Amino acid sequence: MDIRPIDDEYSVSGQITVEDLDEIKALGFKSIVCHRPDQESPDQTPFAAVAARAKELGLEITHVPVGPMGVTEEAVQGMVDALDEFPRPMLGYCRSGARSTAIYQKTHHIRG
């Protein structure tokens, strides 16, 4: 797991596993947003499995997939909602962290 801070409130990572969640919690993250559509690759941990463990640990989590169409208006609205509703620091993840970075940059400009 390679966590890269974008600013004081938001960091990104590539795909995480259920096993990574204890460390994510220990690092002080309070919420997680998954930007990877389920079944994008056969070795990917399903969102439901990550979400179940995150909730057990008291982490807020939501799924705002960014697929082949790129960062859509619907995805941006989902991310704005997450930023408005969830505590920070927040971790966004996808396959490599690129989509999680791109959607944050777009929403950050909208939110000011």
N, C-alpha and C. Protein backbone atom coordinates (compact mmCIF):
# COMPACT_ATOMS: atom_id res chain seq x y z
N MET A 1 0.85 -1.17 0.00
CA MET A 1 0.00 0.00 0.00
C MET A 1 0.90 1.24 0.00
N ASP A 2 0.66 2.08 -0.97
CA ASP A 2 1.47 3.29 -1.14
C ASP A 2 0.55 4.50 -0.99
N ILE A 3 0.50 5.07 0.20
CA ILE A 3 -0.38 6.22 0.45
C ILE A 3 0.38 7.51 0.18
N ARG A 4 -0.22 8.34 -0.68
CA ARG A 4 0.40 9.61 -1.06
C ARG A 4 -0.50 10.77 -0.67
N PRO A 5 -0.03 11.66 0.21
CA PRO A 5 -0.85 12.80 0.60
C PRO A 5 -1.00 13.81 -0.54
N ILE A 6 -2.23 14.31 -0.72
CA ILE A 6 -2.50 15.37 -1.68
C ILE A 6 -2.50 16.72 -0.94
N ASP A 7 -3.11 16.73 0.24
CA ASP A 7 -3.06 17.88 1.14
C ASP A 7 -3.28 17.35 2.56
N ASP A 8 -3.53 18.24 3.52
CA ASP A 8 -3.67 17.82 4.91
C ASP A 8 -4.90 16.96 5.17
N GLU A 9 -5.89 17.05 4.28
CA GLU A 9 -7.16 16.36 4.51
C GLU A 9 -7.40 15.16 3.62
N TYR A 10 -6.60 14.97 2.57
CA TYR A 10 -6.89 13.93 1.57
C TYR A 10 -5.61 13.30 1.06
N SER A 11 -5.62 11.97 1.04
CA SER A 11 -4.51 11.19 0.49
C SER A 11 -5.08 10.17 -0.48
N VAL A 12 -4.21 9.62 -1.33
CA VAL A 12 -4.65 8.61 -2.30
C VAL A 12 -3.77 7.38 -2.21
N SER A 13 -4.32 6.29 -2.71
CA SER A 13 -3.61 5.01 -2.72
C SER A 13 -4.11 4.19 -3.90
N GLY A 14 -3.32 3.23 -4.28
CA GLY A 14 -3.80 2.21 -5.21
C GLY A 14 -4.74 1.28 -4.46
N GLN A 15 -5.15 0.21 -5.10
CA GLN A 15 -6.09 -0.75 -4.52
C GLN A 15 -5.68 -1.15 -3.11
N ILE A 16 -6.64 -1.11 -2.20
CA ILE A 16 -6.40 -1.58 -0.84
C ILE A 16 -7.10 -2.92 -0.65
N THR A 17 -6.70 -3.62 0.40
CA THR A 17 -7.32 -4.90 0.75
C THR A 17 -7.96 -4.78 2.12
N VAL A 18 -8.73 -5.78 2.48
CA VAL A 18 -9.34 -5.82 3.81
C VAL A 18 -8.24 -5.76 4.87
N GLU A 19 -7.13 -6.44 4.61
CA GLU A 19 -6.02 -6.49 5.56
C GLU A 19 -5.36 -5.12 5.77
N ASP A 20 -5.44 -4.23 4.80
CA ASP A 20 -4.84 -2.90 4.91
C ASP A 20 -5.62 -1.97 5.85
N LEU A 21 -6.86 -2.29 6.11
CA LEU A 21 -7.73 -1.35 6.82
C LEU A 21 -7.30 -1.07 8.26
N ASP A 22 -6.75 -2.05 8.95
CA ASP A 22 -6.27 -1.79 10.31
C ASP A 22 -5.16 -0.75 10.30
N GLU A 23 -4.24 -0.86 9.34
CA GLU A 23 -3.16 0.12 9.22
C GLU A 23 -3.72 1.50 8.82
N ILE A 24 -4.68 1.52 7.91
CA ILE A 24 -5.29 2.79 7.49
C ILE A 24 -5.92 3.49 8.70
N LYS A 25 -6.62 2.73 9.51
CA LYS A 25 -7.22 3.29 10.73
C LYS A 25 -6.12 3.79 11.68
N ALA A 26 -5.06 2.98 11.86
CA ALA A 26 -3.96 3.35 12.76
C ALA A 26 -3.24 4.61 12.28
N LEU A 27 -3.23 4.86 10.98
CA LEU A 27 -2.61 6.06 10.42
C LEU A 27 -3.45 7.31 10.66
N GLY A 28 -4.67 7.13 11.17
CA GLY A 28 -5.50 8.27 11.52
C GLY A 28 -6.58 8.63 10.52
N PHE A 29 -6.73 7.84 9.46
CA PHE A 29 -7.79 8.14 8.50
C PHE A 29 -9.15 7.90 9.14
N LYS A 30 -10.11 8.77 8.81
CA LYS A 30 -11.46 8.66 9.36
C LYS A 30 -12.49 8.24 8.32
N SER A 31 -12.14 8.38 7.04
CA SER A 31 -13.08 7.99 5.98
C SER A 31 -12.31 7.55 4.73
N ILE A 32 -13.04 6.80 3.89
CA ILE A 32 -12.46 6.22 2.67
C ILE A 32 -13.46 6.38 1.53
N VAL A 33 -12.95 6.71 0.34
CA VAL A 33 -13.77 6.74 -0.86
C VAL A 33 -13.10 5.84 -1.90
N CYS A 34 -13.85 4.86 -2.40
CA CYS A 34 -13.35 3.97 -3.45
C CYS A 34 -13.79 4.54 -4.80
N HIS A 35 -12.81 4.75 -5.67
CA HIS A 35 -13.12 5.26 -7.02
C HIS A 35 -12.97 4.19 -8.09
N ARG A 36 -12.80 2.96 -7.68
CA ARG A 36 -12.60 1.88 -8.64
C ARG A 36 -13.88 1.07 -8.82
N PRO A 37 -14.36 0.94 -10.06
CA PRO A 37 -15.53 0.09 -10.28
C PRO A 37 -15.22 -1.36 -9.89
N ASP A 38 -16.21 -2.04 -9.32
CA ASP A 38 -16.02 -3.46 -9.00
C ASP A 38 -15.78 -4.25 -10.28
N GLN A 39 -15.04 -5.33 -10.14
CA GLN A 39 -14.74 -6.28 -11.22
C GLN A 39 -13.95 -5.66 -12.37
N GLU A 40 -13.17 -4.65 -12.05
CA GLU A 40 -12.31 -4.05 -13.07
C GLU A 40 -11.17 -5.01 -13.42
N SER A 41 -10.72 -5.77 -12.43
CA SER A 41 -9.72 -6.80 -12.68
C SER A 41 -9.99 -7.98 -11.76
N PRO A 42 -9.58 -9.19 -12.18
CA PRO A 42 -9.93 -10.39 -11.41
C PRO A 42 -9.29 -10.45 -10.02
N ASP A 43 -8.18 -9.77 -9.81
CA ASP A 43 -7.48 -9.85 -8.52
C ASP A 43 -7.89 -8.75 -7.54
N GLN A 44 -8.86 -7.95 -7.91
CA GLN A 44 -9.27 -6.80 -7.12
C GLN A 44 -10.16 -7.22 -5.94
N THR A 45 -9.94 -6.61 -4.80
CA THR A 45 -10.80 -6.85 -3.63
C THR A 45 -12.13 -6.13 -3.85
N PRO A 46 -13.26 -6.85 -3.76
CA PRO A 46 -14.56 -6.21 -3.98
C PRO A 46 -14.83 -5.10 -2.96
N PHE A 47 -15.51 -4.05 -3.40
CA PHE A 47 -15.82 -2.93 -2.51
C PHE A 47 -16.58 -3.41 -1.28
N ALA A 48 -17.54 -4.31 -1.44
CA ALA A 48 -18.36 -4.77 -0.30
C ALA A 48 -17.49 -5.36 0.81
N ALA A 49 -16.45 -6.08 0.45
CA ALA A 49 -15.56 -6.69 1.45
C ALA A 49 -14.78 -5.60 2.19
N VAL A 50 -14.27 -4.62 1.46
CA VAL A 50 -13.54 -3.51 2.07
C VAL A 50 -14.49 -2.71 2.96
N ALA A 51 -15.69 -2.44 2.47
CA ALA A 51 -16.67 -1.64 3.21
C ALA A 51 -17.08 -2.32 4.51
N ALA A 52 -17.28 -3.62 4.48
CA ALA A 52 -17.71 -4.34 5.68
C ALA A 52 -16.67 -4.19 6.80
N ARG A 53 -15.40 -4.39 6.46
CA ARG A 53 -14.35 -4.28 7.48
C ARG A 53 -14.16 -2.82 7.91
N ALA A 54 -14.24 -1.88 6.98
CA ALA A 54 -14.09 -0.47 7.32
C ALA A 54 -15.15 -0.07 8.34
N LYS A 55 -16.37 -0.51 8.12
CA LYS A 55 -17.47 -0.16 9.04
C LYS A 55 -17.23 -0.78 10.41
N GLU A 56 -16.70 -2.03 10.44
CA GLU A 56 -16.36 -2.66 11.73
C GLU A 56 -15.36 -1.82 12.51
N LEU A 57 -14.46 -1.15 11.78
CA LEU A 57 -13.42 -0.34 12.41
C LEU A 57 -13.89 1.09 12.71
N GLY A 58 -15.12 1.40 12.34
CA GLY A 58 -15.65 2.74 12.60
C GLY A 58 -15.25 3.78 11.57
N LEU A 59 -14.82 3.31 10.39
CA LEU A 59 -14.46 4.22 9.30
C LEU A 59 -15.68 4.45 8.41
N GLU A 60 -15.88 5.70 8.00
CA GLU A 60 -16.93 6.02 7.02
C GLU A 60 -16.39 5.60 5.65
N ILE A 61 -17.24 5.04 4.80
CA ILE A 61 -16.78 4.61 3.47
C ILE A 61 -17.91 4.73 2.46
N THR A 62 -17.55 5.09 1.23
CA THR A 62 -18.52 5.14 0.15
C THR A 62 -17.85 4.75 -1.16
N HIS A 63 -18.67 4.42 -2.14
CA HIS A 63 -18.20 3.98 -3.45
C HIS A 63 -18.62 5.02 -4.49
N VAL A 64 -17.65 5.70 -5.09
CA VAL A 64 -17.90 6.68 -6.15
C VAL A 64 -17.05 6.24 -7.35
N PRO A 65 -17.52 5.22 -8.10
CA PRO A 65 -16.69 4.66 -9.16
C PRO A 65 -16.43 5.64 -10.30
N VAL A 66 -15.19 5.60 -10.78
CA VAL A 66 -14.77 6.37 -11.95
C VAL A 66 -14.28 5.33 -12.96
N GLY A 67 -15.10 5.08 -13.97
CA GLY A 67 -14.79 4.02 -14.93
C GLY A 67 -14.25 4.55 -16.24
N PRO A 68 -14.50 3.81 -17.33
CA PRO A 68 -13.97 4.17 -18.65
C PRO A 68 -14.42 5.53 -19.16
N MET A 69 -15.54 6.04 -18.66
CA MET A 69 -16.02 7.35 -19.10
C MET A 69 -15.25 8.49 -18.43
N GLY A 70 -14.38 8.16 -17.51
CA GLY A 70 -13.61 9.19 -16.82
C GLY A 70 -14.40 9.82 -15.68
N VAL A 71 -13.96 10.98 -15.27
CA VAL A 71 -14.60 11.68 -14.15
C VAL A 71 -15.87 12.36 -14.66
N THR A 72 -17.00 11.70 -14.44
CA THR A 72 -18.28 12.22 -14.91
C THR A 72 -18.86 13.23 -13.91
N GLU A 73 -19.87 13.95 -14.35
CA GLU A 73 -20.55 14.91 -13.47
C GLU A 73 -21.16 14.19 -12.26
N GLU A 74 -21.70 13.00 -12.50
CA GLU A 74 -22.29 12.21 -11.42
C GLU A 74 -21.22 11.81 -10.39
N ALA A 75 -20.05 11.41 -10.87
CA ALA A 75 -18.97 11.04 -9.96
C ALA A 75 -18.49 12.25 -9.16
N VAL A 76 -18.37 13.38 -9.83
CA VAL A 76 -17.96 14.61 -9.13
C VAL A 76 -18.96 14.94 -8.03
N GLN A 77 -20.26 14.83 -8.32
CA GLN A 77 -21.27 15.12 -7.29
C GLN A 77 -21.16 14.14 -6.13
N GLY A 78 -20.90 12.87 -6.43
CA GLY A 78 -20.72 11.88 -5.37
C GLY A 78 -19.53 12.21 -4.49
N MET A 79 -18.46 12.69 -5.10
CA MET A 79 -17.27 13.07 -4.33
C MET A 79 -17.52 14.34 -3.52
N VAL A 80 -18.22 15.31 -4.09
CA VAL A 80 -18.57 16.52 -3.34
C VAL A 80 -19.39 16.14 -2.11
N ASP A 81 -20.36 15.23 -2.30
CA ASP A 81 -21.18 14.78 -1.17
C ASP A 81 -20.32 14.12 -0.09
N ALA A 82 -19.39 13.28 -0.50
CA ALA A 82 -18.51 12.60 0.46
C ALA A 82 -17.68 13.62 1.22
N LEU A 83 -17.14 14.60 0.51
CA LEU A 83 -16.33 15.63 1.17
C LEU A 83 -17.16 16.47 2.12
N ASP A 84 -18.42 16.69 1.78
CA ASP A 84 -19.30 17.48 2.65
C ASP A 84 -19.73 16.69 3.89
N GLU A 85 -19.87 15.37 3.75
CA GLU A 85 -20.49 14.56 4.80
C GLU A 85 -19.49 13.80 5.67
N PHE A 86 -18.34 13.43 5.14
CA PHE A 86 -17.45 12.52 5.85
C PHE A 86 -16.35 13.27 6.60
N PRO A 87 -15.92 12.70 7.73
CA PRO A 87 -14.81 13.31 8.47
C PRO A 87 -13.49 13.09 7.74
N ARG A 88 -12.55 13.94 8.04
CA ARG A 88 -11.22 13.81 7.46
C ARG A 88 -10.19 13.68 8.57
N PRO A 89 -9.04 13.14 8.25
CA PRO A 89 -8.52 12.90 6.91
C PRO A 89 -9.21 11.74 6.19
N MET A 90 -9.24 11.87 4.87
CA MET A 90 -9.91 10.92 3.98
C MET A 90 -8.88 10.27 3.07
N LEU A 91 -9.10 8.98 2.79
CA LEU A 91 -8.27 8.26 1.83
C LEU A 91 -9.12 7.90 0.62
N GLY A 92 -8.67 8.27 -0.57
CA GLY A 92 -9.31 7.85 -1.81
C GLY A 92 -8.46 6.78 -2.45
N TYR A 93 -9.10 5.74 -3.00
CA TYR A 93 -8.30 4.71 -3.68
C TYR A 93 -8.95 4.25 -4.97
N CYS A 94 -8.10 3.80 -5.89
CA CYS A 94 -8.51 3.19 -7.15
C CYS A 94 -7.43 2.17 -7.51
N ARG A 95 -7.17 1.93 -8.78
CA ARG A 95 -6.13 0.96 -9.12
C ARG A 95 -4.75 1.50 -8.79
N SER A 96 -4.49 2.74 -9.18
CA SER A 96 -3.15 3.31 -8.98
C SER A 96 -3.14 4.57 -8.12
N GLY A 97 -4.30 5.17 -7.92
CA GLY A 97 -4.39 6.45 -7.22
C GLY A 97 -4.65 7.61 -8.16
N ALA A 98 -4.50 7.40 -9.47
CA ALA A 98 -4.65 8.49 -10.45
C ALA A 98 -6.09 9.02 -10.50
N ARG A 99 -7.07 8.14 -10.56
CA ARG A 99 -8.47 8.59 -10.62
C ARG A 99 -8.87 9.28 -9.32
N SER A 100 -8.36 8.75 -8.20
CA SER A 100 -8.68 9.36 -6.90
C SER A 100 -8.08 10.76 -6.80
N THR A 101 -6.94 10.97 -7.43
CA THR A 101 -6.33 12.30 -7.47
C THR A 101 -7.12 13.21 -8.39
N ALA A 102 -7.46 12.72 -9.58
CA ALA A 102 -8.16 13.54 -10.58
C ALA A 102 -9.52 14.01 -10.07
N ILE A 103 -10.28 13.12 -9.46
CA ILE A 103 -11.62 13.52 -9.00
C ILE A 103 -11.51 14.50 -7.84
N TYR A 104 -10.53 14.34 -6.99
CA TYR A 104 -10.36 15.28 -5.89
C TYR A 104 -10.01 16.67 -6.41
N GLN A 105 -9.13 16.72 -7.39
CA GLN A 105 -8.75 18.01 -7.96
C GLN A 105 -9.96 18.70 -8.58
N LYS A 106 -10.81 17.94 -9.28
CA LYS A 106 -12.01 18.54 -9.89
C LYS A 106 -12.98 19.02 -8.83
N THR A 107 -13.20 18.24 -7.78
CA THR A 107 -14.14 18.66 -6.74
C THR A 107 -13.58 19.77 -5.90
N HIS A 108 -12.29 19.77 -5.71
CA HIS A 108 -11.66 20.81 -4.90
C HIS A 108 -11.85 22.19 -5.55
N HIS A 109 -11.79 22.23 -6.88
CA HIS A 109 -12.00 23.49 -7.59
C HIS A 109 -13.45 23.95 -7.47
N ILE A 110 -14.39 22.99 -7.46
CA ILE A 110 -15.80 23.33 -7.34
C ILE A 110 -16.12 23.85 -5.95
N ARG A 111 -15.54 23.18 -4.94
CA ARG A 111 -15.85 23.53 -3.55
C ARG A 111 -15.07 24.75 -3.08
N GLY A 112 -14.00 25.12 -3.82
CA GLY A 112 -13.21 26.28 -3.45
C GLY A 112 -12.22 25.92 -2.43
